Amino acid sequence: MLKRPRLMRTVATLLVFGIDLAIWSTAPPTIGSFQVPYWLLFSLCVIAYAWLLLGRSPWYGYIAMMLMASVALGVETFEYMGGYLMALFLVARNVPGRRSVYALAGSVYPIGVISFNALTYDGPVSLVTTFIVVGLWTLLSLAAWSAGRALLNNDHQLVTERRWAEEALDEATATERLRISRDLHDSVAHSMTAIVLQVAGVRTVLKSGKDGVDVDKVLEDVQSTAEQSMRELHRLLGMLRSAEHNGSSDRPHSIADVAELVASARASGLEVEENVTGRERPLDPSISHAAYRVVQEGLSNAMKHAGTGAKVELGIDWSSSELVLTVRSISGLIKKPGVSGGYGLLGLRERISVSGGTLDHGATSNGYLLKATLPVTGQGELSGSGAPQQTGLNGPGRAPGLQPDGVPGSEEE
């Protein structure tokens, strides 16, 4: 059974082939006074449209349609524009970057041929009619190319949002595992400490030979505490076994990865303008990760809510004491409001708060502004070993109450 995209392409190719064939077969194909055999033109059409359908690269079909335009230059009643519009659509749909613009620019040739044939077939026509014919085919070509580009950008956006969703899921998993580690610390470790102290007390009593101490009662408490700890440990181990995870090779995202975010957003059709001022400073890993999340949330919200044709101005301002990140979106054409649970900014505010920074966001006159201010490690505060010294942070490389991955954590006892 054919896959859906291949089936749709086959149906579309047969449809445009039938339309073009129905148009040019209504009049005798001639070159001057010489009548061209139908079977010859039909064979050329079959070959060209086969390239359009089966070519591994969309450029094959595009070149085949350009050759058909050259045939039509001699056979004035020959029609091929349905196939050309489809070829232009496929190039725009599958070829990223500026290369598809070259295909659009190449439309001048087939449009010129079809317009020339249409205007000269029935004799001289008015200038107004000439503009109508040329304008009509130009608009159709622009529409086919724009439709292909819109679908390509939509695919990029879906891939980008899916990848970001996977990253958010990984982060949520890491947060859950951190919660489990806290449970281990707060319950099991506490119980083990109590057991150690109780056993030490029993040994002291036994060594001293004191009477009047109910050792059996103490051992009963030790047994009860140990059984409770085992139950809790089994529960936590069951949670850990519910999903396989190997984070030993995972590296938390940092501000150095912002360029990758911007590239992904641009590939999705979002226009992003970057403005970096100041000199980059050393950042605590958790703060660097928080900076990455600020940019990711801002770009993601712009892609979801700002509409078609939106622009984003990304500002990264370094100073000696703080890093200011601004993601300012300028709304485009909003056809349908984006779906949002409102949890992204809430979680981001919590992350920025525990990192010692501030977060502001709100609507502007023409879009939305997300602004975060984060502390940085001052210049000249690097020791000889290259580790940042403690400057309002809880030791080198860690903010107060933060684990290295940037989520709240309890201090080790």
Protein backbone atom coordinates (compact mmCIF):
# COMPACT_ATOMS: atom_id res chain seq x y z
CA MET A 1 0.00 0.00 0.00
CA LEU A 2 1.34 3.41 -0.93
CA LYS A 3 2.20 5.81 1.83
CA ARG A 4 -0.05 8.84 2.02
CA PRO A 5 2.43 11.48 0.71
CA ARG A 6 3.33 9.29 -2.28
CA LEU A 7 -0.36 8.60 -2.97
CA MET A 8 -1.20 12.31 -2.85
CA ARG A 9 1.69 13.14 -5.18
CA THR A 10 0.58 10.42 -7.62
CA VAL A 11 -3.00 11.69 -7.67
CA ALA A 12 -1.88 15.31 -8.10
CA THR A 13 0.47 14.40 -10.97
CA LEU A 14 -2.22 12.44 -12.82
CA LEU A 15 -4.66 15.30 -12.30
CA VAL A 16 -2.43 18.03 -13.72
CA PHE A 17 -1.36 15.71 -16.54
CA GLY A 18 -5.00 15.14 -17.46
CA ILE A 19 -5.80 18.87 -17.34
CA ASP A 20 -2.83 19.86 -19.50
CA LEU A 21 -3.56 17.03 -21.93
CA ALA A 22 -7.21 18.04 -22.20
CA ILE A 23 -6.25 21.64 -22.99
CA TRP A 24 -3.59 21.17 -25.67
CA SER A 25 -5.31 18.22 -27.36
CA THR A 26 -8.32 20.36 -28.35
CA ALA A 27 -6.38 22.12 -31.10
CA PRO A 28 -4.03 20.65 -33.74
CA PRO A 29 -0.41 20.96 -32.56
CA THR A 30 1.52 22.68 -35.31
CA ILE A 31 4.91 24.21 -35.94
CA GLY A 32 4.25 26.77 -38.62
CA SER A 33 2.41 24.83 -41.34
CA PHE A 34 3.69 21.44 -40.12
CA GLN A 35 1.34 19.42 -37.93
CA VAL A 36 3.10 17.60 -35.07
CA PRO A 37 1.89 14.02 -34.44
CA TYR A 38 -0.17 13.67 -31.25
CA TRP A 39 1.67 10.52 -30.24
CA LEU A 40 4.97 12.36 -30.25
CA LEU A 41 3.80 15.13 -27.92
CA PHE A 42 1.95 12.61 -25.77
CA SER A 43 5.14 10.55 -25.38
CA LEU A 44 7.11 13.66 -24.39
CA CYS A 45 4.45 14.51 -21.81
CA VAL A 46 4.51 11.02 -20.32
CA ILE A 47 8.29 11.18 -19.93
CA ALA A 48 8.23 14.68 -18.40
CA TYR A 49 5.44 13.94 -15.95
CA ALA A 50 7.09 10.63 -15.02
CA TRP A 51 10.14 12.64 -13.94
CA LEU A 52 7.80 14.92 -12.00
CA LEU A 53 6.30 11.93 -10.20
CA LEU A 54 9.23 9.55 -9.77
CA GLY A 55 12.27 11.85 -9.61
CA ARG A 56 14.15 11.46 -6.32
CA SER A 57 14.89 15.18 -6.36
CA PRO A 58 12.18 17.79 -7.04
CA TRP A 59 14.65 19.51 -9.35
CA TYR A 60 14.26 16.65 -11.88
CA GLY A 61 10.59 17.42 -12.39
CA TYR A 62 11.30 21.16 -12.47
CA ILE A 63 13.91 20.76 -15.22
CA ALA A 64 11.55 18.46 -17.16
CA MET A 65 8.85 21.16 -17.08
CA MET A 66 11.38 23.76 -18.24
CA LEU A 67 12.11 21.52 -21.25
CA MET A 68 8.38 21.27 -21.90
CA ALA A 69 8.29 25.07 -21.97
CA SER A 70 10.94 24.99 -24.70
CA VAL A 71 8.73 22.57 -26.67
CA ALA A 72 5.79 24.92 -26.24
CA LEU A 73 7.89 27.74 -27.64
CA GLY A 74 7.64 26.01 -31.02
CA VAL A 75 4.22 24.37 -30.62
CA GLU A 76 2.05 27.31 -29.71
CA THR A 77 -1.02 25.28 -28.68
CA PHE A 78 0.96 23.06 -26.33
CA GLU A 79 -0.02 23.40 -22.64
CA TYR A 80 2.25 22.52 -19.68
CA MET A 81 1.59 25.11 -16.93
CA GLY A 82 -0.27 22.69 -14.68
CA GLY A 83 2.81 20.49 -14.51
CA TYR A 84 5.09 23.48 -14.06
CA LEU A 85 3.07 24.85 -11.14
CA MET A 86 3.23 21.45 -9.46
CA ALA A 87 6.99 21.23 -10.07
CA LEU A 88 7.45 24.71 -8.55
CA PHE A 89 5.37 23.69 -5.55
CA LEU A 90 7.46 20.53 -4.99
CA VAL A 91 10.73 22.49 -5.12
CA ALA A 92 9.44 25.03 -2.58
CA ARG A 93 8.03 22.20 -0.45
CA ASN A 94 11.21 20.11 -0.28
CA VAL A 95 14.18 22.43 -0.92
CA PRO A 96 15.19 24.57 2.09
CA GLY A 97 16.93 27.91 2.02
CA ARG A 98 17.38 30.29 -0.89
CA ARG A 99 17.66 27.63 -3.58
CA SER A 100 13.90 27.44 -3.96
CA VAL A 101 13.90 31.19 -4.70
CA TYR A 102 15.94 30.44 -7.81
CA ALA A 103 13.12 28.18 -8.98
CA LEU A 104 10.64 31.00 -8.46
CA ALA A 105 12.86 33.38 -10.41
CA GLY A 106 13.01 30.81 -13.21
CA SER A 107 9.25 31.18 -13.61
CA VAL A 108 9.93 34.10 -15.90
CA TYR A 109 10.72 31.70 -18.74
CA PRO A 110 7.62 29.42 -18.73
CA ILE A 111 5.34 32.36 -17.94
CA GLY A 112 6.84 34.28 -20.84
CA VAL A 113 6.34 31.32 -23.21
CA ILE A 114 2.74 30.60 -22.22
CA SER A 115 1.85 34.29 -22.28
CA PHE A 116 3.48 34.75 -25.69
CA ASN A 117 1.56 31.81 -27.13
CA ALA A 118 -1.73 32.96 -25.62
CA LEU A 119 -1.34 36.50 -26.92
CA THR A 120 -0.23 35.59 -30.44
CA TYR A 121 -2.47 32.59 -31.14
CA ASP A 122 -5.53 34.67 -32.00
CA GLY A 123 -3.67 37.64 -33.40
CA PRO A 124 -2.74 41.01 -31.87
CA VAL A 125 -4.36 41.88 -28.51
CA SER A 126 -4.52 44.94 -26.28
CA LEU A 127 -1.97 45.94 -23.68
CA VAL A 128 -4.55 45.40 -20.91
CA THR A 129 -5.09 41.81 -22.00
CA THR A 130 -1.33 41.27 -22.00
CA PHE A 131 -1.05 42.45 -18.40
CA ILE A 132 -3.99 40.26 -17.37
CA VAL A 133 -2.50 37.12 -18.88
CA VAL A 134 1.00 37.72 -17.50
CA GLY A 135 -0.36 38.78 -14.12
CA LEU A 136 -2.59 35.72 -13.83
CA TRP A 137 0.23 33.24 -14.41
CA THR A 138 2.53 35.22 -12.14
CA LEU A 139 0.01 35.10 -9.31
CA LEU A 140 -0.52 31.38 -9.81
CA SER A 141 3.23 30.77 -9.69
CA LEU A 142 3.60 32.85 -6.54
CA ALA A 143 0.70 30.99 -4.95
CA ALA A 144 2.19 27.56 -5.74
CA TRP A 145 5.62 28.57 -4.43
CA SER A 146 4.20 30.20 -1.27
CA ALA A 147 2.09 27.14 -0.50
CA GLY A 148 5.15 24.90 -0.72
CA ARG A 149 7.21 27.20 1.49
CA ALA A 150 4.42 27.43 4.08
CA LEU A 151 4.24 23.63 4.35
CA LEU A 152 8.04 23.37 4.64
CA ASN A 153 8.14 25.97 7.42
CA ASN A 154 5.30 24.21 9.19
CA ASP A 155 7.25 20.94 9.10
CA HIS A 156 10.32 22.66 10.56
CA GLN A 157 8.20 24.21 13.29
CA LEU A 158 6.64 20.87 14.21
CA VAL A 159 10.05 19.20 14.38
CA THR A 160 11.46 22.04 16.49
CA GLU A 161 8.54 22.06 18.91
CA ARG A 162 8.67 18.27 19.21
CA ARG A 163 12.38 18.38 20.05
CA TRP A 164 11.83 21.14 22.59
CA ALA A 165 8.97 19.14 24.11
CA GLU A 166 11.30 16.16 24.45
CA GLU A 167 13.85 18.36 26.18
CA ALA A 168 11.16 19.63 28.56
CA LEU A 169 10.16 16.02 29.26
CA ASP A 170 13.78 15.12 30.00
CA GLU A 171 14.01 18.07 32.35
CA ALA A 172 10.79 17.03 34.10
CA THR A 173 12.21 13.52 34.47
CA ALA A 174 15.39 14.93 35.99
CA THR A 175 13.29 16.98 38.40
CA GLU A 176 11.31 13.89 39.41
CA ARG A 177 14.49 11.95 40.02
CA LEU A 178 15.77 14.79 42.13
CA ARG A 179 12.57 14.56 44.17
CA ILE A 180 13.19 10.84 44.63
CA SER A 181 16.71 11.58 45.82
CA ARG A 182 15.22 13.97 48.37
CA ASP A 183 12.83 11.25 49.51
CA LEU A 184 15.79 8.91 49.94
CA HIS A 185 17.56 11.55 51.97
CA ASP A 186 14.56 12.53 54.07
CA SER A 187 13.14 9.08 54.80
CA VAL A 188 15.56 6.23 54.20
CA ALA A 189 18.71 8.10 55.22
CA HIS A 190 16.97 9.45 58.31
CA SER A 191 15.80 5.94 59.26
CA MET A 192 19.25 4.51 58.73
CA THR A 193 20.69 7.19 60.99
CA ALA A 194 18.18 6.29 63.69
CA ILE A 195 19.04 2.60 63.36
CA VAL A 196 22.76 3.31 63.64
CA LEU A 197 22.22 5.35 66.80
CA GLN A 198 19.95 2.71 68.35
CA VAL A 199 22.36 -0.12 67.60
CA ALA A 200 25.24 1.92 69.01
CA GLY A 201 23.22 2.46 72.19
CA VAL A 202 22.50 -1.26 72.53
CA ARG A 203 26.17 -2.10 72.13
CA THR A 204 27.08 0.45 74.78
CA VAL A 205 24.56 -1.07 77.21
CA LEU A 206 25.79 -4.60 76.55
CA LYS A 207 29.43 -3.62 77.03
CA SER A 208 28.75 -1.78 80.27
CA GLY A 209 26.64 -4.62 81.70
CA LYS A 210 23.97 -2.24 83.03
CA ASP A 211 20.77 -3.75 84.29
CA GLY A 212 17.24 -2.41 83.93
CA VAL A 213 17.52 -1.65 80.20
CA ASP A 214 14.99 -3.43 77.98
CA VAL A 215 17.31 -4.35 75.12
CA ASP A 216 14.60 -6.39 73.39
CA LYS A 217 12.37 -3.33 73.18
CA VAL A 218 15.15 -1.33 71.56
CA LEU A 219 15.84 -4.11 69.07
CA GLU A 220 12.12 -4.24 68.28
CA ASP A 221 12.22 -0.53 67.44
CA VAL A 222 15.28 -1.11 65.27
CA GLN A 223 13.50 -3.90 63.42
CA SER A 224 10.37 -1.77 62.90
CA THR A 225 12.40 1.16 61.62
CA ALA A 226 14.39 -1.08 59.27
CA GLU A 227 11.21 -2.67 57.87
CA GLN A 228 9.72 0.75 57.25
CA SER A 229 12.89 1.86 55.47
CA MET A 230 12.86 -1.25 53.30
CA ARG A 231 9.27 -0.57 52.24
CA GLU A 232 10.13 3.00 51.34
CA LEU A 233 13.23 1.89 49.49
CA HIS A 234 11.25 -0.65 47.44
CA ARG A 235 8.73 2.05 46.54
CA LEU A 236 11.43 4.39 45.31
CA LEU A 237 13.22 1.64 43.41
CA GLY A 238 9.95 0.82 41.65
CA MET A 239 9.65 4.43 40.53
CA LEU A 240 13.20 4.38 39.20
CA ARG A 241 12.59 1.17 37.23
CA SER A 242 9.49 2.65 35.54
CA ALA A 243 11.62 4.38 32.89
CA GLU A 244 15.11 3.67 31.69
CA HIS A 245 17.41 6.63 31.86
CA ASN A 246 21.11 7.04 31.45
CA GLY A 247 22.06 10.63 32.15
CA SER A 248 25.78 10.07 32.54
CA SER A 249 26.49 11.50 29.08
CA ASP A 250 23.78 14.20 29.16
CA ARG A 251 25.04 17.76 29.31
CA PRO A 252 22.75 20.52 30.61
CA HIS A 253 22.07 23.16 27.99
CA SER A 254 23.86 26.46 28.46
CA ILE A 255 23.86 29.91 26.92
CA ALA A 256 26.37 28.60 24.38
CA ASP A 257 23.49 26.55 22.89
CA VAL A 258 21.33 29.62 22.21
CA ALA A 259 22.68 29.78 18.65
CA GLU A 260 21.19 26.35 18.01
CA LEU A 261 17.80 27.53 19.32
CA VAL A 262 17.90 30.56 17.03
CA ALA A 263 18.85 28.43 14.02
CA SER A 264 15.95 26.04 14.72
CA ALA A 265 13.49 28.91 15.05
CA ARG A 266 14.68 30.47 11.79
CA ALA A 267 14.36 27.13 10.02
CA SER A 268 10.76 27.06 11.23
CA GLY A 269 10.03 30.32 9.42
CA LEU A 270 10.40 32.72 12.37
CA GLU A 271 12.44 35.84 11.68
CA VAL A 272 14.91 36.32 14.55
CA GLU A 273 17.22 39.31 14.96
CA GLU A 274 20.04 38.97 17.48
CA ASN A 275 21.68 41.85 19.31
CA VAL A 276 24.58 40.99 21.65
CA THR A 277 26.24 43.78 23.65
CA GLY A 278 29.03 43.70 26.20
CA ARG A 279 31.68 41.07 26.77
CA GLU A 280 30.72 37.54 27.76
CA ARG A 281 31.33 36.74 31.43
CA PRO A 282 31.73 33.48 33.36
CA LEU A 283 28.37 31.99 34.37
CA ASP A 284 27.41 29.51 37.02
CA PRO A 285 26.24 26.34 35.17
CA SER A 286 22.74 26.55 36.67
CA ILE A 287 22.42 30.22 35.67
CA SER A 288 23.70 29.48 32.18
CA HIS A 289 21.06 26.77 31.89
CA ALA A 290 18.40 29.20 33.10
CA ALA A 291 19.48 31.69 30.41
CA TYR A 292 19.04 29.00 27.78
CA ARG A 293 15.52 28.27 29.04
CA VAL A 294 14.59 31.97 28.88
CA VAL A 295 15.47 32.16 25.20
CA GLN A 296 13.80 28.83 24.46
CA GLU A 297 10.55 29.87 26.17
CA GLY A 298 10.52 33.24 24.40
CA LEU A 299 11.08 31.76 20.94
CA SER A 300 8.62 28.93 21.56
CA ASN A 301 5.88 31.35 22.64
CA ALA A 302 6.52 33.55 19.62
CA MET A 303 6.20 30.54 17.29
CA LYS A 304 2.94 29.50 18.98
CA HIS A 305 1.19 32.81 19.53
CA ALA A 306 2.74 35.60 17.41
CA GLY A 307 1.23 34.44 14.09
CA THR A 308 2.43 34.28 10.51
CA GLY A 309 5.10 36.83 9.60
CA ALA A 310 6.08 37.48 13.23
CA LYS A 311 9.52 38.83 14.13
CA VAL A 312 11.58 38.35 17.26
CA GLU A 313 14.29 40.65 18.59
CA LEU A 314 16.64 38.73 20.88
CA GLY A 315 18.82 40.89 23.10
CA ILE A 316 21.76 39.58 25.16
CA ASP A 317 23.33 42.33 27.26
CA TRP A 318 26.43 41.47 29.30
CA SER A 319 27.63 43.69 32.12
CA SER A 320 30.06 43.21 34.99
CA SER A 321 27.37 42.09 37.44
CA GLU A 322 24.39 40.79 35.46
CA LEU A 323 23.17 39.30 32.23
CA VAL A 324 19.99 40.78 30.76
CA LEU A 325 18.06 38.68 28.24
CA THR A 326 15.16 40.18 26.28
CA VAL A 327 12.96 38.33 23.83
CA ARG A 328 10.69 40.87 22.15
CA SER A 329 8.16 39.49 19.66
CA ILE A 330 6.43 41.60 17.03
CA SER A 331 3.17 39.91 16.12
CA GLY A 332 2.26 38.96 12.58
CA LEU A 333 -1.02 37.67 11.20
CA ILE A 334 -2.75 35.68 13.96
CA LYS A 335 -5.30 33.33 12.42
CA LYS A 336 -5.93 31.12 15.46
CA PRO A 337 -4.87 31.66 19.08
CA GLY A 338 -2.20 29.22 20.21
CA VAL A 339 -3.06 26.66 22.86
CA SER A 340 -1.15 27.13 26.10
CA GLY A 341 -1.53 25.85 29.62
CA GLY A 342 0.34 28.83 31.05
CA TYR A 343 2.83 26.63 32.90
CA GLY A 344 5.87 27.56 30.86
CA LEU A 345 6.27 31.09 32.22
CA LEU A 346 5.32 29.94 35.72
CA GLY A 347 8.06 27.32 35.75
CA LEU A 348 10.49 29.77 34.19
CA ARG A 349 9.78 32.35 36.89
CA GLU A 350 10.52 29.75 39.58
CA ARG A 351 13.77 28.79 37.85
CA ILE A 352 14.90 32.40 37.51
CA SER A 353 13.93 33.16 41.12
CA VAL A 354 16.01 30.34 42.63
CA SER A 355 18.90 31.40 40.38
CA GLY A 356 18.94 34.81 42.07
CA GLY A 357 17.49 36.68 39.08
CA THR A 358 14.27 38.42 38.09
CA LEU A 359 11.77 37.79 35.32
CA ASP A 360 9.36 40.28 33.74
CA HIS A 361 6.95 39.65 30.92
CA GLY A 362 3.88 41.23 29.39
CA ALA A 363 2.17 42.47 26.26
CA THR A 364 3.52 45.45 24.33
CA SER A 365 1.81 47.71 21.79
CA ASN A 366 2.67 45.34 18.93
CA GLY A 367 3.64 42.05 20.52
CA TYR A 368 5.09 40.61 23.72
CA LEU A 369 8.21 41.13 25.82
CA LEU A 370 10.02 38.59 27.98
CA LYS A 371 12.91 39.98 30.04
CA ALA A 372 15.17 38.15 32.48
CA THR A 373 18.01 39.49 34.60
CA LEU A 374 20.55 36.97 35.89
CA PRO A 375 23.65 37.38 38.06
CA VAL A 376 27.06 36.70 36.56
CA THR A 377 30.50 35.97 37.98
CA GLY A 378 32.55 39.14 37.91
CA GLN A 379 35.67 39.51 35.79
CA GLY A 380 38.88 38.67 37.58
CA GLU A 381 37.17 36.33 40.03
CA LEU A 382 38.69 33.18 38.63
CA SER A 383 41.22 31.38 40.75
CA GLY A 384 44.40 29.88 39.45
CA SER A 385 42.66 26.54 38.97
CA GLY A 386 40.01 28.15 36.78
CA ALA A 387 37.11 27.59 39.20
CA PRO A 388 34.91 30.58 40.04
CA GLN A 389 35.33 31.89 43.58
CA GLN A 390 32.40 32.27 45.94
CA THR A 391 30.74 35.63 45.24
CA GLY A 392 27.27 35.47 46.66
CA LEU A 393 27.00 31.89 45.38
CA ASN A 394 26.91 28.79 47.51
CA GLY A 395 30.43 27.69 46.73
CA PRO A 396 32.12 27.47 43.32
CA GLY A 397 29.83 26.73 40.42
CA ARG A 398 26.54 26.45 42.38
CA ALA A 399 23.82 28.87 43.40
CA PRO A 400 22.18 28.64 46.84
CA GLY A 401 19.92 25.63 47.14
CA LEU A 402 20.62 24.48 43.59
CA GLN A 403 21.86 21.20 42.25
CA PRO A 404 24.18 21.36 39.21
CA ASP A 405 21.26 20.88 36.82
CA GLY A 406 19.69 24.11 37.95
CA VAL A 407 16.65 22.83 39.85
CA PRO A 408 16.03 23.36 43.58
CA GLY A 409 17.80 20.87 45.79
CA SER A 410 18.51 20.32 49.45
CA GLU A 411 21.94 20.64 50.95
CA GLU A 412 23.88 17.45 51.56
CA GLU A 413 24.22 16.69 55.25
